[in-house]
Amino acid sequence: AIADRGTVRLTASEMVGCEVLPPMLARFRDAHPGITLELALSNRNEDLLRREADIAVRMVRPRQKSLVARRIGKSPVGLFAHPRYVERYGLPKTVADLETHCVIGFDRDPQPFRSLGTMPRQIAREMFGFRSDSDLAQFSALKSGVGIGGCQYGIARRHPELVPVLARMIRFELDVWVVMHEDMRATGRVRLLFDHLASELTAFLRTR
Protein backbone atom coordinates (compact mmCIF):
# COMPACT_ATOMS: atom_id res chain seq x y z
CA ALA A 1 0.00 0.00 0.00
CA ILE A 2 1.13 3.55 -0.70
CA ALA A 3 0.49 4.42 2.96
CA ASP A 4 3.19 1.92 3.93
CA ARG A 5 5.93 3.76 2.02
CA GLY A 6 7.85 6.99 2.51
CA THR A 7 9.26 8.99 5.42
CA VAL A 8 7.63 10.44 8.51
CA ARG A 9 9.48 12.99 10.66
CA LEU A 10 8.59 13.08 14.35
CA THR A 11 9.68 15.56 16.99
CA ALA A 12 9.59 15.17 20.77
CA SER A 13 11.47 16.24 23.88
CA GLU A 14 14.73 14.55 24.85
CA MET A 15 13.18 12.47 27.61
CA VAL A 16 10.12 11.38 25.65
CA GLY A 17 12.20 10.68 22.56
CA CYS A 18 14.77 8.57 24.39
CA GLU A 19 12.82 6.97 27.24
CA VAL A 20 9.21 6.67 26.04
CA LEU A 21 8.97 6.49 22.25
CA PRO A 22 11.63 3.92 21.15
CA PRO A 23 9.66 0.74 22.01
CA MET A 24 6.55 2.29 20.46
CA LEU A 25 8.46 3.13 17.29
CA ALA A 26 9.92 -0.39 17.20
CA ARG A 27 6.41 -1.84 17.15
CA PHE A 28 5.41 0.62 14.42
CA ARG A 29 8.40 -0.41 12.28
CA ASP A 30 7.51 -4.07 12.77
CA ALA A 31 4.06 -3.35 11.37
CA HIS A 32 5.19 -0.91 8.64
CA PRO A 33 8.77 -1.75 7.60
CA GLY A 34 8.48 0.34 4.45
CA ILE A 35 8.10 3.60 6.38
CA THR A 36 11.32 5.42 7.29
CA LEU A 37 11.19 7.23 10.62
CA GLU A 38 13.06 10.42 11.48
CA LEU A 39 13.16 11.53 15.12
CA ALA A 40 14.17 15.10 15.98
CA LEU A 41 14.74 15.67 19.70
CA SER A 42 14.26 19.15 21.05
CA ASN A 43 12.75 20.73 24.12
CA ARG A 44 11.72 23.62 21.90
CA ASN A 45 8.38 23.08 20.21
CA GLU A 46 9.29 22.73 16.56
CA ASP A 47 6.86 24.60 14.37
CA LEU A 48 4.71 22.15 12.44
CA LEU A 49 3.40 25.06 10.40
CA ARG A 50 6.90 25.43 8.92
CA ARG A 51 6.98 21.71 8.19
CA GLU A 52 9.99 21.10 10.42
CA ALA A 53 8.25 17.86 11.39
CA ASP A 54 5.16 15.91 10.37
CA ILE A 55 4.10 14.91 13.89
CA ALA A 56 4.96 16.26 17.32
CA VAL A 57 4.57 14.75 20.78
CA ARG A 58 4.23 17.72 23.10
CA MET A 59 3.80 18.28 26.82
CA VAL A 60 2.00 21.61 26.36
CA ARG A 61 -1.16 22.40 24.43
CA PRO A 62 -0.37 23.66 20.91
CA ARG A 63 -1.76 27.15 20.26
CA GLN A 64 -1.39 27.49 16.50
CA LYS A 65 -4.34 27.08 14.20
CA SER A 66 -4.19 24.64 11.27
CA LEU A 67 -3.01 21.88 13.60
CA VAL A 68 -4.77 18.64 14.47
CA ALA A 69 -4.09 18.02 18.17
CA ARG A 70 -5.21 15.03 20.22
CA ARG A 71 -4.91 15.25 24.00
CA ILE A 72 -3.81 11.86 25.26
CA GLY A 73 -3.97 12.47 29.00
CA LYS A 74 -1.82 13.53 31.92
CA SER A 75 1.63 12.24 32.84
CA PRO A 76 2.34 12.59 36.57
CA VAL A 77 5.77 13.85 37.60
CA GLY A 78 7.37 13.37 41.01
CA LEU A 79 10.73 13.45 42.76
CA PHE A 80 12.98 10.39 42.87
CA ALA A 81 16.42 9.39 44.11
CA HIS A 82 18.75 6.48 43.44
CA PRO A 83 19.39 4.07 46.35
CA ARG A 84 23.07 5.07 46.25
CA TYR A 85 22.10 8.65 47.11
CA VAL A 86 19.56 7.55 49.74
CA GLU A 87 22.10 5.29 51.44
CA ARG A 88 24.57 8.14 51.74
CA TYR A 89 22.32 11.11 52.49
CA GLY A 90 18.96 9.71 53.57
CA LEU A 91 15.56 10.96 52.45
CA PRO A 92 13.95 14.34 53.19
CA LYS A 93 10.87 14.06 55.37
CA THR A 94 9.46 17.49 54.51
CA VAL A 95 9.69 19.89 51.59
CA ALA A 96 11.84 22.18 53.74
CA ASP A 97 14.33 19.32 54.18
CA LEU A 98 15.13 19.55 50.47
CA GLU A 99 17.30 22.57 51.27
CA THR A 100 19.83 20.23 52.88
CA HIS A 101 19.90 17.90 49.85
CA CYS A 102 21.36 18.05 46.36
CA VAL A 103 18.42 18.73 44.06
CA ILE A 104 18.82 18.31 40.30
CA GLY A 105 17.36 21.09 38.15
CA PHE A 106 17.70 23.55 35.31
CA ASP A 107 20.70 25.71 34.55
CA ARG A 108 19.81 28.67 32.33
CA ASP A 109 16.49 27.63 30.81
CA PRO A 110 13.59 27.52 33.32
CA GLN A 111 10.98 26.78 30.63
CA PRO A 112 10.52 23.06 31.53
CA PHE A 113 9.57 24.09 35.06
CA ARG A 114 7.18 26.76 33.81
CA SER A 115 5.14 24.06 32.08
CA LEU A 116 4.44 22.33 35.40
CA GLY A 117 2.00 24.95 36.66
CA THR A 118 2.02 27.55 39.42
CA MET A 119 4.18 26.08 42.19
CA PRO A 120 7.36 25.83 40.08
CA ARG A 121 7.28 29.61 39.55
CA GLN A 122 8.73 29.85 43.05
CA ILE A 123 11.63 27.57 42.08
CA ALA A 124 14.90 29.37 41.44
CA ARG A 125 18.11 28.19 39.82
CA GLU A 126 20.04 28.73 43.07
CA MET A 127 18.10 25.92 44.75
CA PHE A 128 19.82 23.24 42.67
CA GLY A 129 23.06 21.50 43.62
CA PHE A 130 23.30 20.06 40.12
CA ARG A 131 22.22 22.13 37.11
CA SER A 132 21.73 21.21 33.47
CA ASP A 133 19.35 22.26 30.72
CA SER A 134 19.51 18.77 29.24
CA ASP A 135 16.75 16.47 30.49
CA LEU A 136 18.92 13.48 29.63
CA ALA A 137 21.84 14.85 31.65
CA GLN A 138 19.52 15.44 34.60
CA PHE A 139 18.13 11.92 34.32
CA SER A 140 21.61 10.40 34.07
CA ALA A 141 22.64 12.34 37.17
CA LEU A 142 19.55 11.04 38.98
CA LYS A 143 20.32 7.43 38.02
CA SER A 144 23.95 7.88 39.07
CA GLY A 145 23.07 9.02 42.58
CA VAL A 146 24.07 12.67 42.19
CA GLY A 147 20.92 13.98 43.82
CA ILE A 148 17.12 14.13 43.95
CA GLY A 149 15.41 14.90 40.65
CA GLY A 150 12.07 15.04 38.90
CA CYS A 151 10.90 12.21 36.68
CA GLN A 152 7.68 11.17 34.99
CA TYR A 153 6.15 8.20 36.81
CA GLY A 154 5.80 6.29 33.54
CA ILE A 155 9.56 6.55 32.99
CA ALA A 156 10.41 5.81 36.62
CA ARG A 157 8.44 2.53 36.33
CA ARG A 158 11.04 1.34 33.84
CA HIS A 159 13.75 1.99 36.42
CA PRO A 160 12.35 0.24 39.51
CA GLU A 161 15.50 0.96 41.50
CA LEU A 162 14.49 4.62 41.75
CA VAL A 163 13.01 5.61 45.13
CA PRO A 164 10.05 8.04 45.30
CA VAL A 165 10.76 11.18 47.35
CA LEU A 166 8.01 13.17 49.14
CA ALA A 167 5.45 11.49 46.89
CA ARG A 168 2.46 12.74 48.89
CA MET A 169 3.72 16.31 49.02
CA ILE A 170 5.20 17.02 45.59
CA ARG A 171 3.47 15.87 42.42
CA PHE A 172 2.95 17.68 39.13
CA GLU A 173 1.15 16.68 35.96
CA LEU A 174 2.06 17.23 32.33
CA ASP A 175 -0.48 17.20 29.51
CA VAL A 176 0.48 14.86 26.66
CA TRP A 177 -0.52 15.78 23.11
CA VAL A 178 0.04 14.26 19.67
CA VAL A 179 -0.08 16.95 16.98
CA MET A 180 0.13 17.15 13.19
CA HIS A 181 -0.58 19.78 10.54
CA GLU A 182 -4.14 19.49 9.23
CA ASP A 183 -2.80 19.09 5.68
CA MET A 184 -1.18 15.81 6.78
CA ARG A 185 -4.49 14.24 7.77
CA ALA A 186 -4.91 12.72 4.33
CA THR A 187 -1.32 11.43 4.13
CA GLY A 188 -1.60 7.73 4.92
CA ARG A 189 1.83 7.11 6.46
CA VAL A 190 1.54 10.18 8.71
CA ARG A 191 -1.95 9.19 9.80
CA LEU A 192 -0.73 5.66 10.57
CA LEU A 193 1.98 6.95 12.91
CA PHE A 194 -0.32 9.57 14.46
CA ASP A 195 -2.94 6.95 15.37
CA HIS A 196 -0.28 4.47 16.52
CA LEU A 197 1.31 7.00 18.88
CA ALA A 198 -2.07 8.09 20.23
CA SER A 199 -2.92 4.48 21.05
CA GLU A 200 0.49 3.61 22.52
CA LEU A 201 0.76 6.77 24.61
CA THR A 202 -2.74 6.21 25.96
CA ALA A 203 -1.69 2.74 27.14
CA PHE A 204 1.56 4.17 28.57
CA LEU A 205 -0.32 6.73 30.69
CA ARG A 206 -2.86 4.19 31.90
CA THR A 207 -0.23 1.86 33.31
CA ARG A 208 0.20 2.50 36.99
C-alpha atoms as a PDB file:
ATOM      1  CA  ALA A   1       0.000   0.000   0.000  1.00  0.00           C
ATOM      2  CA  ILE A   2       1.125   3.555  -0.700  1.00  0.00           C
ATOM      3  CA  ALA A   3       0.488   4.417   2.963  1.00  0.00           C
ATOM      4  CA  ASP A   4       3.188   1.917   3.927  1.00  0.00           C
ATOM      5  CA  ARG A   5       5.926   3.763   2.022  1.00  0.00           C
ATOM      6  CA  GLY A   6       7.848   6.988   2.513  1.00  0.00           C
ATOM      7  CA  THR A   7       9.263   8.991   5.417  1.00  0.00           C
ATOM      8  CA  VAL A   8       7.630  10.438   8.512  1.00  0.00           C
ATOM      9  CA  ARG A   9       9.476  12.986  10.656  1.00  0.00           C
ATOM     10  CA  LEU A  10       8.593  13.079  14.346  1.00  0.00           C
ATOM     11  CA  THR A  11       9.680  15.557  16.993  1.00  0.00           C
ATOM     12  CA  ALA A  12       9.593  15.169  20.773  1.00  0.00           C
ATOM     13  CA  SER A  13      11.470  16.242  23.879  1.00  0.00           C
ATOM     14  CA  GLU A  14      14.731  14.553  24.847  1.00  0.00           C
ATOM     15  CA  MET A  15      13.175  12.468  27.606  1.00  0.00           C
ATOM     16  CA  VAL A  16      10.115  11.377  25.652  1.00  0.00           C
ATOM     17  CA  GLY A  17      12.204  10.683  22.556  1.00  0.00           C
ATOM     18  CA  CYS A  18      14.770   8.568  24.391  1.00  0.00           C
ATOM     19  CA  GLU A  19      12.821   6.967  27.242  1.00  0.00           C
ATOM     20  CA  VAL A  20       9.213   6.671  26.044  1.00  0.00           C
ATOM     21  CA  LEU A  21       8.969   6.488  22.249  1.00  0.00           C
ATOM     22  CA  PRO A  22      11.625   3.923  21.149  1.00  0.00           C
ATOM     23  CA  PRO A  23       9.656   0.741  22.013  1.00  0.00           C
ATOM     24  CA  MET A  24       6.552   2.289  20.463  1.00  0.00           C
ATOM     25  CA  LEU A  25       8.464   3.128  17.294  1.00  0.00           C
ATOM     26  CA  ALA A  26       9.922  -0.390  17.200  1.00  0.00           C
ATOM     27  CA  ARG A  27       6.408  -1.837  17.147  1.00  0.00           C
ATOM     28  CA  PHE A  28       5.415   0.621  14.421  1.00  0.00           C
ATOM     29  CA  ARG A  29       8.397  -0.411  12.281  1.00  0.00           C
ATOM     30  CA  ASP A  30       7.512  -4.073  12.771  1.00  0.00           C
ATOM     31  CA  ALA A  31       4.061  -3.352  11.367  1.00  0.00           C
ATOM     32  CA  HIS A  32       5.185  -0.913   8.642  1.00  0.00           C
ATOM     33  CA  PRO A  33       8.767  -1.747   7.604  1.00  0.00           C
ATOM     34  CA  GLY A  34       8.478   0.345   4.449  1.00  0.00           C
ATOM     35  CA  ILE A  35       8.105   3.602   6.383  1.00  0.00           C
ATOM     36  CA  THR A  36      11.319   5.421   7.287  1.00  0.00           C
ATOM     37  CA  LEU A  37      11.187   7.233  10.625  1.00  0.00           C
ATOM     38  CA  GLU A  38      13.057  10.421  11.482  1.00  0.00           C
ATOM     39  CA  LEU A  39      13.158  11.528  15.125  1.00  0.00           C
ATOM     40  CA  ALA A  40      14.174  15.098  15.984  1.00  0.00           C
ATOM     41  CA  LEU A  41      14.735  15.673  19.700  1.00  0.00           C
ATOM     42  CA  SER A  42      14.259  19.152  21.050  1.00  0.00           C
ATOM     43  CA  ASN A  43      12.754  20.725  24.123  1.00  0.00           C
ATOM     44  CA  ARG A  44      11.717  23.616  21.905  1.00  0.00           C
ATOM     45  CA  ASN A  45       8.378  23.084  20.214  1.00  0.00           C
ATOM     46  CA  GLU A  46       9.287  22.728  16.559  1.00  0.00           C
ATOM     47  CA  ASP A  47       6.859  24.603  14.367  1.00  0.00           C
ATOM     48  CA  LEU A  48       4.715  22.150  12.442  1.00  0.00           C
ATOM     49  CA  LEU A  49       3.403  25.060  10.399  1.00  0.00           C
ATOM     50  CA  ARG A  50       6.896  25.430   8.920  1.00  0.00           C
ATOM     51  CA  ARG A  51       6.979  21.710   8.187  1.00  0.00           C
ATOM     52  CA  GLU A  52       9.988  21.100  10.424  1.00  0.00           C
ATOM     53  CA  ALA A  53       8.252  17.865  11.392  1.00  0.00           C
ATOM     54  CA  ASP A  54       5.159  15.913  10.368  1.00  0.00           C
ATOM     55  CA  ILE A  55       4.102  14.907  13.892  1.00  0.00           C
ATOM     56  CA  ALA A  56       4.963  16.264  17.324  1.00  0.00           C
ATOM     57  CA  VAL A  57       4.572  14.746  20.778  1.00  0.00           C
ATOM     58  CA  ARG A  58       4.229  17.717  23.099  1.00  0.00           C
ATOM     59  CA  MET A  59       3.796  18.281  26.817  1.00  0.00           C
ATOM     60  CA  VAL A  60       1.999  21.608  26.361  1.00  0.00           C
ATOM     61  CA  ARG A  61      -1.157  22.399  24.430  1.00  0.00           C
ATOM     62  CA  PRO A  62      -0.374  23.665  20.910  1.00  0.00           C
ATOM     63  CA  ARG A  63      -1.765  27.148  20.264  1.00  0.00           C
ATOM     64  CA  GLN A  64      -1.391  27.493  16.503  1.00  0.00           C
ATOM     65  CA  LYS A  65      -4.342  27.081  14.199  1.00  0.00           C
ATOM     66  CA  SER A  66      -4.192  24.640  11.273  1.00  0.00           C
ATOM     67  CA  LEU A  67      -3.011  21.878  13.605  1.00  0.00           C
ATOM     68  CA  VAL A  68      -4.767  18.642  14.475  1.00  0.00           C
ATOM     69  CA  ALA A  69      -4.092  18.022  18.166  1.00  0.00           C
ATOM     70  CA  ARG A  70      -5.211  15.034  20.224  1.00  0.00           C
ATOM     71  CA  ARG A  71      -4.909  15.249  23.997  1.00  0.00           C
ATOM     72  CA  ILE A  72      -3.806  11.856  25.261  1.00  0.00           C
ATOM     73  CA  GLY A  73      -3.972  12.466  28.997  1.00  0.00           C
ATOM     74  CA  LYS A  74      -1.820  13.530  31.917  1.00  0.00           C
ATOM     75  CA  SER A  75       1.626  12.239  32.836  1.00  0.00           C
ATOM     76  CA  PRO A  76       2.343  12.591  36.565  1.00  0.00           C
ATOM     77  CA  VAL A  77       5.774  13.849  37.599  1.00  0.00           C
ATOM     78  CA  GLY A  78       7.367  13.372  41.011  1.00  0.00           C
ATOM     79  CA  LEU A  79      10.728  13.455  42.757  1.00  0.00           C
ATOM     80  CA  PHE A  80      12.975  10.395  42.868  1.00  0.00           C
ATOM     81  CA  ALA A  81      16.415   9.386  44.113  1.00  0.00           C
ATOM     82  CA  HIS A  82      18.752   6.484  43.437  1.00  0.00           C
ATOM     83  CA  PRO A  83      19.388   4.066  46.346  1.00  0.00           C
ATOM     84  CA  ARG A  84      23.071   5.074  46.250  1.00  0.00           C
ATOM     85  CA  TYR A  85      22.100   8.651  47.109  1.00  0.00           C
ATOM     86  CA  VAL A  86      19.555   7.553  49.737  1.00  0.00           C
ATOM     87  CA  GLU A  87      22.099   5.295  51.435  1.00  0.00           C
ATOM     88  CA  ARG A  88      24.569   8.136  51.741  1.00  0.00           C
ATOM     89  CA  TYR A  89      22.322  11.112  52.488  1.00  0.00           C
ATOM     90  CA  GLY A  90      18.961   9.714  53.573  1.00  0.00           C
ATOM     91  CA  LEU A  91      15.556  10.964  52.449  1.00  0.00           C
ATOM     92  CA  PRO A  92      13.945  14.339  53.190  1.00  0.00           C
ATOM     93  CA  LYS A  93      10.866  14.057  55.370  1.00  0.00           C
ATOM     94  CA  THR A  94       9.464  17.492  54.511  1.00  0.00           C
ATOM     95  CA  VAL A  95       9.691  19.893  51.587  1.00  0.00           C
ATOM     96  CA  ALA A  96      11.843  22.184  53.744  1.00  0.00           C
ATOM     97  CA  ASP A  97      14.328  19.323  54.183  1.00  0.00           C
ATOM     98  CA  LEU A  98      15.125  19.545  50.466  1.00  0.00           C
ATOM     99  CA  GLU A  99      17.299  22.575  51.272  1.00  0.00           C
ATOM    100  CA  THR A 100      19.826  20.227  52.882  1.00  0.00           C
ATOM    101  CA  HIS A 101      19.903  17.901  49.846  1.00  0.00           C
ATOM    102  CA  CYS A 102      21.364  18.050  46.359  1.00  0.00           C
ATOM    103  CA  VAL A 103      18.422  18.733  44.057  1.00  0.00           C
ATOM    104  CA  ILE A 104      18.819  18.311  40.296  1.00  0.00           C
ATOM    105  CA  GLY A 105      17.362  21.090  38.152  1.00  0.00           C
ATOM    106  CA  PHE A 106      17.696  23.546  35.308  1.00  0.00           C
ATOM    107  CA  ASP A 107      20.703  25.713  34.550  1.00  0.00           C
ATOM    108  CA  ARG A 108      19.809  28.675  32.328  1.00  0.00           C
ATOM    109  CA  ASP A 109      16.492  27.632  30.807  1.00  0.00           C
ATOM    110  CA  PRO A 110      13.587  27.518  33.316  1.00  0.00           C
ATOM    111  CA  GLN A 111      10.979  26.775  30.632  1.00  0.00           C
ATOM    112  CA  PRO A 112      10.523  23.064  31.532  1.00  0.00           C
ATOM    113  CA  PHE A 113       9.572  24.089  35.061  1.00  0.00           C
ATOM    114  CA  ARG A 114       7.182  26.755  33.808  1.00  0.00           C
ATOM    115  CA  SER A 115       5.144  24.055  32.083  1.00  0.00           C
ATOM    116  CA  LEU A 116       4.437  22.332  35.401  1.00  0.00           C
ATOM    117  CA  GLY A 117       1.996  24.949  36.658  1.00  0.00           C
ATOM    118  CA  THR A 118       2.017  27.551  39.420  1.00  0.00           C
ATOM    119  CA  MET A 119       4.181  26.076  42.189  1.00  0.00           C
ATOM    120  CA  PRO A 120       7.362  25.832  40.079  1.00  0.00           C
ATOM    121  CA  ARG A 121       7.280  29.612  39.547  1.00  0.00           C
ATOM    122  CA  GLN A 122       8.728  29.850  43.047  1.00  0.00           C
ATOM    123  CA  ILE A 123      11.631  27.571  42.083  1.00  0.00           C
ATOM    124  CA  ALA A 124      14.903  29.366  41.443  1.00  0.00           C
ATOM    125  CA  ARG A 125      18.113  28.188  39.825  1.00  0.00           C
ATOM    126  CA  GLU A 126      20.045  28.732  43.069  1.00  0.00           C
ATOM    127  CA  MET A 127      18.100  25.918  44.755  1.00  0.00           C
ATOM    128  CA  PHE A 128      19.824  23.243  42.671  1.00  0.00           C
ATOM    129  CA  GLY A 129      23.056  21.502  43.619  1.00  0.00           C
ATOM    130  CA  PHE A 130      23.300  20.059  40.116  1.00  0.00           C
ATOM    131  CA  ARG A 131      22.221  22.126  37.108  1.00  0.00           C
ATOM    132  CA  SER A 132      21.726  21.207  33.469  1.00  0.00           C
ATOM    133  CA  ASP A 133      19.348  22.263  30.717  1.00  0.00           C
ATOM    134  CA  SER A 134      19.511  18.769  29.240  1.00  0.00           C
ATOM    135  CA  ASP A 135      16.750  16.472  30.494  1.00  0.00           C
ATOM    136  CA  LEU A 136      18.919  13.483  29.635  1.00  0.00           C
ATOM    137  CA  ALA A 137      21.839  14.853  31.648  1.00  0.00           C
ATOM    138  CA  GLN A 138      19.522  15.442  34.602  1.00  0.00           C
ATOM    139  CA  PHE A 139      18.131  11.924  34.320  1.00  0.00           C
ATOM    140  CA  SER A 140      21.612  10.400  34.068  1.00  0.00           C
ATOM    141  CA  ALA A 141      22.640  12.339  37.167  1.00  0.00           C
ATOM    142  CA  LEU A 142      19.545  11.044  38.977  1.00  0.00           C
ATOM    143  CA  LYS A 143      20.320   7.427  38.020  1.00  0.00           C
ATOM    144  CA  SER A 144      23.949   7.879  39.068  1.00  0.00           C
ATOM    145  CA  GLY A 145      23.072   9.022  42.584  1.00  0.00           C
ATOM    146  CA  VAL A 146      24.069  12.670  42.189  1.00  0.00           C
ATOM    147  CA  GLY A 147      20.920  13.980  43.816  1.00  0.00           C
ATOM    148  CA  ILE A 148      17.125  14.127  43.950  1.00  0.00           C
ATOM    149  CA  GLY A 149      15.408  14.900  40.654  1.00  0.00           C
ATOM    150  CA  GLY A 150      12.074  15.042  38.903  1.00  0.00           C
ATOM    151  CA  CYS A 151      10.902  12.206  36.682  1.00  0.00           C
ATOM    152  CA  GLN A 152       7.678  11.169  34.989  1.00  0.00           C
ATOM    153  CA  TYR A 153       6.150   8.204  36.807  1.00  0.00           C
ATOM    154  CA  GLY A 154       5.804   6.294  33.544  1.00  0.00           C
ATOM    155  CA  ILE A 155       9.559   6.551  32.991  1.00  0.00           C
ATOM    156  CA  ALA A 156      10.409   5.805  36.615  1.00  0.00           C
ATOM    157  CA  ARG A 157       8.436   2.532  36.335  1.00  0.00           C
ATOM    158  CA  ARG A 158      11.040   1.337  33.838  1.00  0.00           C
ATOM    159  CA  HIS A 159      13.745   1.992  36.420  1.00  0.00           C
ATOM    160  CA  PRO A 160      12.352   0.235  39.514  1.00  0.00           C
ATOM    161  CA  GLU A 161      15.502   0.960  41.495  1.00  0.00           C
ATOM    162  CA  LEU A 162      14.490   4.622  41.752  1.00  0.00           C
ATOM    163  CA  VAL A 163      13.014   5.607  45.129  1.00  0.00           C
ATOM    164  CA  PRO A 164      10.053   8.041  45.302  1.00  0.00           C
ATOM    165  CA  VAL A 165      10.757  11.183  47.353  1.00  0.00           C
ATOM    166  CA  LEU A 166       8.009  13.172  49.137  1.00  0.00           C
ATOM    167  CA  ALA A 167       5.449  11.487  46.887  1.00  0.00           C
ATOM    168  CA  ARG A 168       2.456  12.740  48.891  1.00  0.00           C
ATOM    169  CA  MET A 169       3.723  16.311  49.024  1.00  0.00           C
ATOM    170  CA  ILE A 170       5.202  17.015  45.591  1.00  0.00           C
ATOM    171  CA  ARG A 171       3.473  15.871  42.420  1.00  0.00           C
ATOM    172  CA  PHE A 172       2.950  17.676  39.132  1.00  0.00           C
ATOM    173  CA  GLU A 173       1.154  16.675  35.957  1.00  0.00           C
ATOM    174  CA  LEU A 174       2.060  17.235  32.326  1.00  0.00           C
ATOM    175  CA  ASP A 175      -0.484  17.195  29.510  1.00  0.00           C
ATOM    176  CA  VAL A 176       0.485  14.862  26.662  1.00  0.00           C
ATOM    177  CA  TRP A 177      -0.521  15.775  23.105  1.00  0.00           C
ATOM    178  CA  VAL A 178       0.038  14.259  19.674  1.00  0.00           C
ATOM    179  CA  VAL A 179      -0.075  16.946  16.980  1.00  0.00           C
ATOM    180  CA  MET A 180       0.130  17.150  13.193  1.00  0.00           C
ATOM    181  CA  HIS A 181      -0.581  19.775  10.536  1.00  0.00           C
ATOM    182  CA  GLU A 182      -4.139  19.488   9.229  1.00  0.00           C
ATOM    183  CA  ASP A 183      -2.798  19.086   5.681  1.00  0.00           C
ATOM    184  CA  MET A 184      -1.184  15.815   6.778  1.00  0.00           C
ATOM    185  CA  ARG A 185      -4.491  14.244   7.775  1.00  0.00           C
ATOM    186  CA  ALA A 186      -4.910  12.717   4.329  1.00  0.00           C
ATOM    187  CA  THR A 187      -1.324  11.435   4.125  1.00  0.00           C
ATOM    188  CA  GLY A 188      -1.604   7.730   4.924  1.00  0.00           C
ATOM    189  CA  ARG A 189       1.830   7.109   6.455  1.00  0.00           C
ATOM    190  CA  VAL A 190       1.536  10.175   8.709  1.00  0.00           C
ATOM    191  CA  ARG A 191      -1.946   9.191   9.803  1.00  0.00           C
ATOM    192  CA  LEU A 192      -0.732   5.659  10.571  1.00  0.00           C
ATOM    193  CA  LEU A 193       1.976   6.945  12.912  1.00  0.00           C
ATOM    194  CA  PHE A 194      -0.316   9.570  14.464  1.00  0.00           C
ATOM    195  CA  ASP A 195      -2.938   6.949  15.371  1.00  0.00           C
ATOM    196  CA  HIS A 196      -0.277   4.474  16.517  1.00  0.00           C
ATOM    197  CA  LEU A 197       1.312   7.002  18.881  1.00  0.00           C
ATOM    198  CA  ALA A 198      -2.072   8.093  20.233  1.00  0.00           C
ATOM    199  CA  SER A 199      -2.924   4.476  21.050  1.00  0.00           C
ATOM    200  CA  GLU A 200       0.488   3.612  22.519  1.00  0.00           C
ATOM    201  CA  LEU A 201       0.762   6.769  24.614  1.00  0.00           C
ATOM    202  CA  THR A 202      -2.743   6.209  25.962  1.00  0.00           C
ATOM    203  CA  ALA A 203      -1.685   2.741  27.138  1.00  0.00           C
ATOM    204  CA  PHE A 204       1.563   4.167  28.568  1.00  0.00           C
ATOM    205  CA  LEU A 205      -0.315   6.731  30.687  1.00  0.00           C
ATOM    206  CA  ARG A 206      -2.863   4.190  31.896  1.00  0.00           C
ATOM    207  CA  THR A 207      -0.228   1.860  33.305  1.00  0.00           C
ATOM    208  CA  ARG A 208       0.201   2.500  36.989  1.00  0.00           C
END
